[in-house]
Amino acid sequence: LVHTHHHRQIYPSRGYADAANEHPIEHMIGVLCAWGGIFAAAYTTGVHAATLFVFFNIHAALAMLNHSPYDVEFSHLGFTYSVKAHEMHHRKFSMNYAQYFMFWDRMMGTFKEYTA
Protein backbone atom coordinates (compact mmCIF):
# COMPACT_ATOMS: atom_id res chain seq x y z
CA LEU A 1 0.00 0.00 0.00
CA VAL A 2 2.86 2.36 0.71
CA HIS A 3 4.07 2.17 -2.90
CA THR A 4 0.76 3.53 -4.22
CA HIS A 5 2.01 7.00 -3.29
CA HIS A 6 4.63 6.64 -6.04
CA HIS A 7 2.02 5.48 -8.54
CA ARG A 8 -0.04 8.65 -8.43
CA GLN A 9 1.81 9.54 -11.64
CA ILE A 10 0.23 7.18 -14.18
CA TYR A 11 2.38 8.65 -16.95
CA PRO A 12 5.65 9.62 -15.26
CA SER A 13 7.48 12.27 -17.23
CA ARG A 14 9.46 14.47 -14.84
CA GLY A 15 12.53 12.25 -14.45
CA TYR A 16 13.99 12.44 -10.96
CA ALA A 17 10.97 14.31 -9.58
CA ASP A 18 8.77 11.29 -10.36
CA ALA A 19 11.41 8.66 -9.60
CA ALA A 20 12.06 10.06 -6.11
CA ASN A 21 8.39 10.63 -5.33
CA GLU A 22 8.15 7.94 -2.67
CA HIS A 23 6.41 7.60 0.65
CA PRO A 24 8.93 8.23 3.46
CA ILE A 25 8.52 4.68 4.80
CA GLU A 26 9.17 3.21 1.35
CA HIS A 27 12.22 5.44 0.95
CA MET A 28 13.73 4.38 4.30
CA ILE A 29 13.15 0.68 3.61
CA GLY A 30 14.68 1.06 0.13
CA VAL A 31 17.74 2.87 1.47
CA LEU A 32 18.26 0.31 4.23
CA CYS A 33 17.95 -2.59 1.78
CA ALA A 34 20.30 -0.97 -0.75
CA TRP A 35 22.96 -0.14 1.80
CA GLY A 36 22.56 -3.52 3.52
CA GLY A 37 23.24 -5.22 0.19
CA ILE A 38 26.17 -2.93 -0.51
CA PHE A 39 27.78 -3.53 2.88
CA ALA A 40 27.27 -7.29 2.52
CA ALA A 41 28.85 -7.24 -0.96
CA ALA A 42 31.72 -5.03 0.21
CA TYR A 43 32.35 -7.25 3.23
CA THR A 44 32.30 -10.51 1.27
CA THR A 45 33.99 -9.41 -1.96
CA GLY A 46 36.00 -6.30 -1.09
CA VAL A 47 34.32 -4.31 -3.86
CA HIS A 48 36.19 -1.19 -4.90
CA ALA A 49 34.68 2.25 -4.17
CA ALA A 50 34.78 3.10 -7.90
CA THR A 51 32.54 0.10 -8.60
CA LEU A 52 29.99 1.41 -6.10
CA PHE A 53 30.19 4.85 -7.72
CA VAL A 54 29.49 3.37 -11.16
CA PHE A 55 26.65 1.22 -9.79
CA PHE A 56 24.87 4.17 -8.15
CA ASN A 57 25.25 6.37 -11.21
CA ILE A 58 23.84 3.72 -13.56
CA HIS A 59 21.03 3.01 -11.09
CA ALA A 60 20.14 6.72 -10.83
CA ALA A 61 20.33 7.29 -14.58
CA LEU A 62 18.03 4.36 -15.36
CA ALA A 63 15.58 5.38 -12.61
CA MET A 64 15.38 8.86 -14.10
CA LEU A 65 14.91 7.44 -17.61
CA ASN A 66 12.14 5.15 -16.32
CA HIS A 67 10.24 8.24 -15.25
CA SER A 68 10.97 10.42 -18.27
CA PRO A 69 8.93 11.08 -21.42
CA TYR A 70 11.70 9.67 -23.61
CA ASP A 71 11.26 6.40 -25.50
CA VAL A 72 14.56 4.73 -24.63
CA GLU A 73 15.18 1.06 -25.37
CA PHE A 74 18.39 -0.96 -25.64
CA SER A 75 19.66 -4.50 -25.26
CA HIS A 76 22.88 -5.69 -23.64
CA LEU A 77 24.01 -9.24 -22.92
CA GLY A 78 20.58 -10.60 -23.75
CA PHE A 79 18.69 -8.22 -21.47
CA THR A 80 16.41 -5.55 -22.91
CA TYR A 81 15.77 -2.26 -21.13
CA SER A 82 12.72 -0.21 -22.07
CA VAL A 83 11.15 2.88 -20.55
CA LYS A 84 7.81 1.68 -21.95
CA ALA A 85 7.90 -1.43 -19.76
CA HIS A 86 8.11 0.66 -16.60
CA GLU A 87 5.43 3.03 -17.87
CA MET A 88 3.12 0.01 -18.16
CA HIS A 89 3.85 -0.74 -14.48
CA HIS A 90 2.66 2.76 -13.56
CA ARG A 91 -0.49 2.29 -15.62
CA LYS A 92 -1.22 -1.28 -14.42
CA PHE A 93 0.28 -1.94 -10.99
CA SER A 94 -0.04 -5.73 -11.22
CA MET A 95 2.49 -6.17 -14.04
CA ASN A 96 6.04 -5.33 -15.06
CA TYR A 97 7.34 -5.25 -11.49
CA ALA A 98 11.01 -5.24 -12.49
CA GLN A 99 12.74 -1.89 -12.38
CA TYR A 100 14.98 -2.30 -15.42
CA PHE A 101 15.00 -5.74 -17.07
CA MET A 102 11.81 -7.73 -17.48
CA PHE A 103 13.44 -11.18 -17.31
CA TRP A 104 11.63 -12.28 -14.13
CA ASP A 105 8.36 -10.72 -15.20
CA ARG A 106 8.51 -12.79 -18.37
CA MET A 107 9.37 -15.91 -16.35
CA MET A 108 6.57 -15.36 -13.82
CA GLY A 109 3.90 -14.30 -16.33
CA THR A 110 3.60 -10.72 -15.06
CA PHE A 111 5.06 -9.05 -18.16
CA LYS A 112 2.78 -7.01 -20.40
CA GLU A 113 3.83 -5.45 -23.69
CA TYR A 114 3.40 -1.72 -24.07
CA THR A 115 0.06 -0.53 -25.40
CA ALA A 116 -0.61 3.10 -26.28
Foldseek 3Di string as FASTA:
>chain_A
DQAVQLLPCLQFAQFPVSLVRGRPVVVVVVVVVVVVVVVVCCVVPVDDPVVVVVVVVVVSVLSRLLRHPDFDWDDDPRFIFTSQQSSVCSNPVQASPDSGTCPVRVVVVRGDDGDD
